[in-house]
Protein backbone atom coordinates (compact mmCIF):
# COMPACT_ATOMS: atom_id res chain seq x y z
CA MET A 1 -13.99 -46.26 -2.68
CA ALA A 2 -15.83 -43.10 -1.53
CA ALA A 3 -15.28 -44.08 2.10
CA PHE A 4 -11.55 -44.60 1.45
CA LEU A 5 -11.23 -41.17 -0.18
CA LEU A 6 -13.09 -39.55 2.70
CA GLY A 7 -10.79 -41.19 5.24
CA ALA A 8 -7.68 -40.13 3.33
CA VAL A 9 -8.68 -36.50 3.21
CA LEU A 10 -9.73 -36.48 6.88
CA LEU A 11 -6.17 -37.55 7.72
CA ILE A 12 -4.87 -34.51 5.78
CA VAL A 13 -7.29 -31.95 7.18
CA GLN A 14 -8.08 -33.08 10.73
CA PRO A 15 -4.62 -32.67 12.39
CA GLN A 16 -4.64 -28.98 11.54
CA ILE A 17 -7.78 -28.26 13.58
CA VAL A 18 -6.73 -27.37 17.10
CA PRO A 19 -8.60 -26.25 20.21
CA SER A 20 -8.65 -22.70 21.47
CA ARG A 21 -5.69 -21.45 23.47
CA PRO A 22 -6.21 -22.30 27.17
CA THR A 23 -5.36 -18.78 28.36
CA ILE A 24 -8.53 -17.38 26.80
CA ASN A 25 -11.32 -16.82 29.34
CA SER A 26 -13.95 -19.56 29.57
CA LYS A 27 -16.71 -17.53 27.90
CA ALA A 28 -14.54 -16.79 24.88
CA GLU A 29 -13.36 -20.40 24.89
CA MET A 30 -16.92 -21.72 24.80
CA SER A 31 -17.71 -19.35 21.93
CA SER A 32 -14.58 -20.44 20.07
CA GLN A 33 -15.40 -24.13 20.53
CA SER A 34 -18.90 -23.48 19.24
CA VAL A 35 -17.43 -21.84 16.14
CA GLN A 36 -15.06 -24.78 15.66
CA ARG A 37 -17.90 -27.32 15.88
CA GLU A 38 -19.79 -25.40 13.22
CA LEU A 39 -16.69 -25.16 11.02
CA LEU A 40 -16.03 -28.86 11.36
CA LYS A 41 -19.65 -29.67 10.56
CA LYS A 42 -19.36 -27.67 7.34
CA THR A 43 -15.99 -29.31 6.61
CA SER A 44 -17.31 -32.87 6.73
CA GLN A 45 -19.40 -32.76 3.59
CA LYS A 46 -18.60 -35.86 1.49
CA ASN A 47 -19.12 -34.29 -1.93
CA ASP A 48 -16.73 -31.41 -1.19
CA PHE A 49 -13.98 -33.85 -0.27
CA LYS A 50 -14.30 -35.62 -3.61
CA GLU A 51 -13.80 -32.34 -5.41
CA ASN A 52 -10.55 -31.70 -3.53
CA ILE A 53 -8.65 -34.79 -4.71
CA HIS A 54 -7.05 -34.77 -8.16
CA SER A 55 -6.31 -37.87 -10.22
CA ASN A 56 -2.61 -36.90 -10.35
CA GLY A 57 -2.25 -37.31 -6.58
CA SER A 58 -2.51 -33.65 -5.63
CA CYS A 59 -5.24 -32.22 -3.42
CA ARG A 60 -6.46 -28.99 -1.93
CA GLN A 61 -5.45 -28.49 1.69
CA LEU A 62 -5.47 -25.87 4.40
CA PRO A 63 -2.52 -23.45 4.10
CA GLN A 64 0.50 -24.06 6.31
CA THR A 65 1.64 -20.46 5.77
CA ILE A 66 -0.31 -17.21 5.51
CA ILE A 67 0.96 -13.81 4.40
CA ILE A 68 -1.04 -11.72 6.87
CA GLY A 69 -0.06 -8.24 5.68
CA VAL A 70 0.46 -5.44 5.65
CA ARG A 71 -1.69 -3.65 3.06
CA LYS A 72 0.53 -1.80 0.55
CA GLY A 73 3.58 -3.37 2.14
CA GLY A 74 4.52 -5.56 -0.83
CA THR A 75 2.43 -8.68 -0.19
CA ARG A 76 1.83 -9.37 -3.89
CA ALA A 77 5.52 -9.01 -4.70
CA LEU A 78 6.40 -11.34 -1.82
CA LEU A 79 3.90 -13.98 -2.95
CA GLU A 80 5.07 -13.84 -6.58
CA MET A 81 8.72 -14.13 -5.54
CA LEU A 82 8.00 -16.98 -3.15
CA SER A 83 6.09 -18.77 -5.92
CA LEU A 84 9.38 -19.17 -7.77
CA HIS A 85 10.09 -22.03 -5.35
CA PRO A 86 8.87 -25.42 -6.63
CA ASP A 87 7.72 -26.44 -3.15
CA ILE A 88 5.28 -23.53 -2.86
CA ALA A 89 1.65 -23.67 -4.02
CA ALA A 90 0.06 -20.23 -3.75
CA ALA A 91 -3.59 -19.19 -3.82
CA GLU A 92 -4.01 -16.68 -6.63
CA SER A 93 -6.56 -14.34 -5.02
CA GLU A 94 -6.91 -12.74 -1.61
CA VAL A 95 -9.27 -15.08 0.22
CA HIS A 96 -10.48 -12.89 3.12
CA PHE A 97 -11.66 -15.97 5.00
CA PHE A 98 -10.80 -14.87 8.52
CA ASP A 99 -11.79 -11.19 8.27
CA TRP A 100 -15.00 -11.28 6.22
CA GLU A 101 -17.90 -12.70 8.25
CA ASP A 102 -19.83 -14.02 5.24
CA HIS A 103 -16.75 -15.99 4.18
CA TYR A 104 -15.93 -17.26 7.67
CA ARG A 105 -19.46 -18.56 8.18
CA ASN A 106 -18.97 -20.78 5.14
CA GLY A 107 -16.60 -22.97 7.15
CA LEU A 108 -13.22 -24.56 6.60
CA GLN A 109 -14.29 -26.60 3.60
CA TRP A 110 -15.09 -23.39 1.73
CA TYR A 111 -11.64 -22.13 2.71
CA ILE A 112 -10.01 -25.31 1.42
CA ASN A 113 -11.91 -24.89 -1.85
CA GLN A 114 -10.14 -21.56 -2.42
CA MET A 115 -6.70 -23.19 -2.20
CA PRO A 116 -4.68 -24.49 -5.16
CA PHE A 117 -4.07 -28.18 -5.75
CA SER A 118 -0.75 -29.16 -4.20
CA TYR A 119 1.38 -32.24 -3.58
CA PRO A 120 2.23 -33.57 -0.10
CA HIS A 121 5.75 -32.09 -0.19
CA GLN A 122 4.48 -28.60 -1.02
CA ILE A 123 3.56 -25.74 1.30
CA THR A 124 0.24 -24.08 0.52
CA VAL A 125 0.29 -20.30 0.97
CA GLU A 126 -2.45 -17.70 0.88
CA LYS A 127 -2.17 -13.96 1.35
CA THR A 128 -4.73 -11.46 2.58
CA PRO A 129 -3.12 -8.18 3.73
CA ALA A 130 -6.18 -7.12 5.73
CA TYR A 131 -5.59 -9.95 8.22
CA PHE A 132 -2.86 -8.07 10.08
CA THR A 133 -5.08 -5.17 11.14
CA SER A 134 -8.30 -7.16 11.74
CA PRO A 135 -8.84 -7.73 15.50
CA LYS A 136 -10.67 -11.07 15.16
CA VAL A 137 -8.22 -12.73 12.80
CA PRO A 138 -5.34 -13.84 15.11
CA GLU A 139 -7.60 -15.95 17.33
CA ARG A 140 -9.40 -17.45 14.35
CA VAL A 141 -6.15 -18.45 12.67
CA HIS A 142 -4.90 -19.89 15.97
CA ASN A 143 -8.11 -21.91 16.38
CA MET A 144 -7.48 -23.47 12.97
CA ASN A 145 -3.75 -24.13 13.41
CA GLN A 146 -1.67 -22.96 16.35
CA SER A 147 1.51 -24.01 14.52
CA MET A 148 0.84 -21.74 11.55
CA ARG A 149 3.90 -20.00 10.07
CA LEU A 150 3.06 -16.36 9.38
CA LEU A 151 4.69 -13.90 7.00
CA LEU A 152 4.38 -10.16 7.64
CA ILE A 153 5.89 -7.66 5.22
CA LEU A 154 6.26 -4.06 6.42
CA ARG A 155 7.40 -0.76 4.91
CA ASP A 156 8.20 2.65 6.33
CA PRO A 157 4.82 3.59 7.91
CA SER A 158 4.75 7.04 6.30
CA GLU A 159 5.43 5.59 2.84
CA ARG A 160 2.77 2.98 3.43
CA VAL A 161 0.21 5.72 4.19
CA LEU A 162 1.01 7.43 0.88
CA SER A 163 0.76 4.13 -1.02
CA ASP A 164 -2.55 3.40 0.68
CA TYR A 165 -3.98 6.72 -0.48
CA THR A 166 -2.50 6.29 -3.98
CA GLN A 167 -4.23 2.95 -4.50
CA VAL A 168 -7.65 4.27 -3.51
CA PHE A 169 -7.10 7.43 -5.58
CA TYR A 170 -6.36 5.45 -8.76
CA ASN A 171 -9.29 3.11 -8.12
CA HIS A 172 -11.57 6.14 -8.14
CA MET A 173 -9.88 7.62 -11.21
CA GLN A 174 -10.43 4.40 -13.18
CA LYS A 175 -14.14 4.62 -12.37
CA HIS A 176 -14.15 8.32 -13.31
CA LYS A 177 -15.09 9.26 -9.78
CA PRO A 178 -13.68 12.34 -8.02
CA TYR A 179 -11.49 11.80 -4.96
CA PRO A 180 -10.21 14.33 -2.40
CA SER A 181 -6.53 15.30 -2.24
CA ILE A 182 -4.35 13.54 0.30
CA GLU A 183 -4.09 16.75 2.33
CA GLN A 184 -7.84 16.60 2.95
CA PHE A 185 -7.37 13.21 4.60
CA LEU A 186 -4.17 13.97 6.48
CA ILE A 187 -5.21 17.32 7.95
CA LYS A 188 -8.18 18.00 10.22
CA ASP A 189 -8.64 21.35 11.99
CA GLY A 190 -5.05 22.23 11.18
CA GLU A 191 -3.63 19.09 12.81
CA LEU A 192 -2.68 15.64 11.60
CA ASN A 193 -5.84 13.57 11.26
CA VAL A 194 -4.92 10.51 13.34
CA ASP A 195 -8.37 9.03 12.68
CA TYR A 196 -7.49 8.51 9.01
CA LYS A 197 -7.66 4.74 8.42
CA ALA A 198 -4.44 4.71 6.43
CA ILE A 199 -2.59 6.10 9.45
CA ASN A 200 -4.12 3.54 11.79
CA ARG A 201 -2.99 0.70 9.51
CA SER A 202 0.59 1.93 9.92
CA LEU A 203 0.54 1.70 13.73
CA TYR A 204 2.25 -1.66 13.53
CA TYR A 205 2.92 -2.19 17.22
CA ILE A 206 -0.82 -2.07 18.10
CA HIS A 207 -1.71 -4.77 15.61
CA MET A 208 1.40 -6.83 16.37
CA GLN A 209 0.46 -6.97 20.04
CA ASN A 210 -2.79 -8.66 19.06
CA TRP A 211 -0.98 -11.34 17.04
CA LEU A 212 1.51 -12.01 19.82
CA LYS A 213 -1.35 -12.93 22.15
CA TYR A 214 -1.84 -16.06 20.05
CA PHE A 215 1.45 -16.77 18.25
CA PRO A 216 5.04 -16.68 19.52
CA LEU A 217 7.34 -14.24 17.78
CA ASP A 218 9.35 -17.07 16.21
CA HIS A 219 6.23 -18.08 14.26
CA ILE A 220 6.02 -14.66 12.61
CA HIS A 221 8.69 -13.72 10.10
CA ILE A 222 8.88 -10.01 9.29
CA VAL A 223 10.01 -9.19 5.77
CA ASP A 224 11.56 -5.76 5.26
CA GLY A 225 9.42 -4.42 2.41
CA ASP A 226 11.75 -1.49 1.70
CA LYS A 227 14.70 -3.85 1.25
CA LEU A 228 12.62 -6.27 -0.82
CA ILE A 229 12.02 -3.47 -3.33
CA LYS A 230 15.70 -2.47 -3.53
CA ASP A 231 17.34 -5.90 -3.34
CA PRO A 232 14.84 -8.79 -3.22
CA PHE A 233 17.11 -11.83 -3.15
CA PRO A 234 18.49 -11.54 0.44
CA GLU A 235 14.97 -11.07 1.83
CA ILE A 236 13.63 -14.10 -0.04
CA GLU A 237 16.57 -16.17 1.23
CA LYS A 238 15.45 -15.38 4.79
CA VAL A 239 11.90 -16.45 3.96
CA GLU A 240 13.16 -19.77 2.56
CA ARG A 241 15.03 -20.42 5.80
CA PHE A 242 12.01 -19.47 7.93
CA LEU A 243 9.81 -21.93 6.03
CA THR A 244 12.59 -24.56 6.09
CA LEU A 245 12.57 -24.70 2.30
CA SER A 246 15.57 -25.94 0.36
CA PRO A 247 17.47 -22.99 -1.21
CA GLN A 248 16.01 -23.05 -4.72
CA ILE A 249 15.53 -19.34 -5.47
CA ASN A 250 18.70 -17.50 -6.51
CA ALA A 251 19.85 -14.04 -7.59
CA SER A 252 19.42 -14.87 -11.30
CA ASN A 253 15.66 -15.08 -10.73
CA PHE A 254 15.54 -11.29 -10.36
CA TYR A 255 16.35 -8.51 -12.79
CA PHE A 256 15.81 -4.77 -12.58
CA ASN A 257 13.38 -3.38 -15.15
CA LYS A 258 14.47 0.20 -15.84
CA THR A 259 11.22 1.05 -17.60
CA LYS A 260 9.04 0.01 -14.68
CA GLY A 261 11.53 1.08 -12.03
CA PHE A 262 11.40 -2.12 -9.97
CA TYR A 263 12.61 -5.72 -9.98
CA CYS A 264 10.88 -8.32 -12.14
CA LEU A 265 11.12 -12.11 -12.09
CA ARG A 266 12.82 -14.63 -14.34
CA ASP A 267 11.48 -18.16 -14.02
CA SER A 268 12.69 -21.03 -16.25
CA GLY A 269 13.52 -18.59 -19.01
CA ARG A 270 10.20 -16.73 -18.73
CA GLU A 271 10.22 -13.14 -17.59
CA ARG A 272 7.29 -11.57 -15.75
CA CYS A 273 6.64 -8.35 -13.88
CA LEU A 274 4.06 -7.26 -11.37
CA HIS A 275 0.91 -5.58 -12.61
CA GLU A 276 1.23 -2.01 -13.89
CA SER A 277 -0.71 -0.83 -10.82
CA LYS A 278 2.41 -1.58 -8.75
CA GLY A 279 5.09 1.04 -8.29
CA ARG A 280 2.85 4.02 -8.97
CA ALA A 281 4.25 7.43 -8.09
CA HIS A 282 3.02 8.88 -4.82
CA PRO A 283 1.30 12.27 -4.75
CA GLN A 284 3.41 15.33 -4.00
CA VAL A 285 3.01 16.18 -0.32
CA ASP A 286 4.08 19.37 1.44
CA THR A 287 7.39 18.83 3.28
CA ARG A 288 5.99 20.15 6.55
CA LEU A 289 3.11 17.72 6.35
CA LEU A 290 5.49 14.83 5.75
CA GLU A 291 7.51 15.92 8.78
CA LYS A 292 4.33 15.83 10.88
CA LEU A 293 3.71 12.31 9.65
CA HIS A 294 7.27 11.24 10.49
CA GLU A 295 7.05 12.80 13.95
CA TYR A 296 3.74 11.08 14.67
CA PHE A 297 5.14 7.64 13.85
CA HIS A 298 8.38 8.11 15.80
CA GLU A 299 7.11 6.74 19.13
CA PRO A 300 4.90 3.97 17.67
CA ASN A 301 7.87 2.79 15.59
CA LYS A 302 10.09 2.76 18.66
CA LYS A 303 7.54 0.62 20.52
CA PHE A 304 7.33 -1.75 17.57
CA PHE A 305 11.12 -2.15 17.44
CA GLU A 306 11.14 -3.04 21.14
CA LEU A 307 8.26 -5.47 20.66
CA VAL A 308 9.92 -7.48 17.87
CA GLY A 309 13.57 -6.99 18.88
CA ARG A 310 14.52 -5.49 15.52
CA THR A 311 15.03 -2.07 14.04
CA PHE A 312 14.15 -0.87 10.54
CA ASP A 313 15.44 2.04 8.53
CA TRP A 314 12.30 4.14 8.80
CA HIS A 315 11.96 7.88 9.34
């Protein structure tokens, strides 16, 4: 019986492991193959497989879709909205498998263990916003599954910078730790501090170029995060089509919560909203400083639009 279960799970997992892309130089290819052998070795542990099969016929499996970013772009909202679909099984926490070395060394079986139980007809989804800006991640995802469908949600880069700062600021406040004003991060020697990490994360075209080395553009669906906030249903419809899901989510699944100031979800009569940490007010920033930020992102945004063949309503 144990041998039968092992064989069944190998049929589920094995087809998703693919070799490195042939265009990578031989040295990198050898290194990638070495990593894959190690991952597969860790994956083939009999006891772990037993733990990943449920008596009701569901099992844990590698994700077929990953929400790769971007940080403070609306990834949690996107995942919660997508979870309204009965054919979606979503990992609850950010896994950080591909970007954290200590997690990646654990191998694919560890990654599978972080996934929810799902049925064969369901798509397993995980989201880790840091993936988009991590240089090593695109190749690692490609090595696991070159057919992966990727979801990327983006907002106006300037607004994303402010949200990035706001999150870190409140994290410090909750721990009763002091934190510098946003001006201290944005300005250095009287000029815009382009070394500020939050600004670098908003240079979308640089990070997108890295992903396009490994995945064709039609495998990466870009969700307009600004539109998702204002009118979520049309954006979720596009995601359903991209993932070839039957149209199950409809406009009645969303309602605007005036108290919170953003859309909440209605699922089978139950109403739920995102955590109170979402939708926090941004700090007041001097108009001239905001203009500097907008000017800085003008050219990078233009390059990004050309790269993906789309435009967005950003400053």
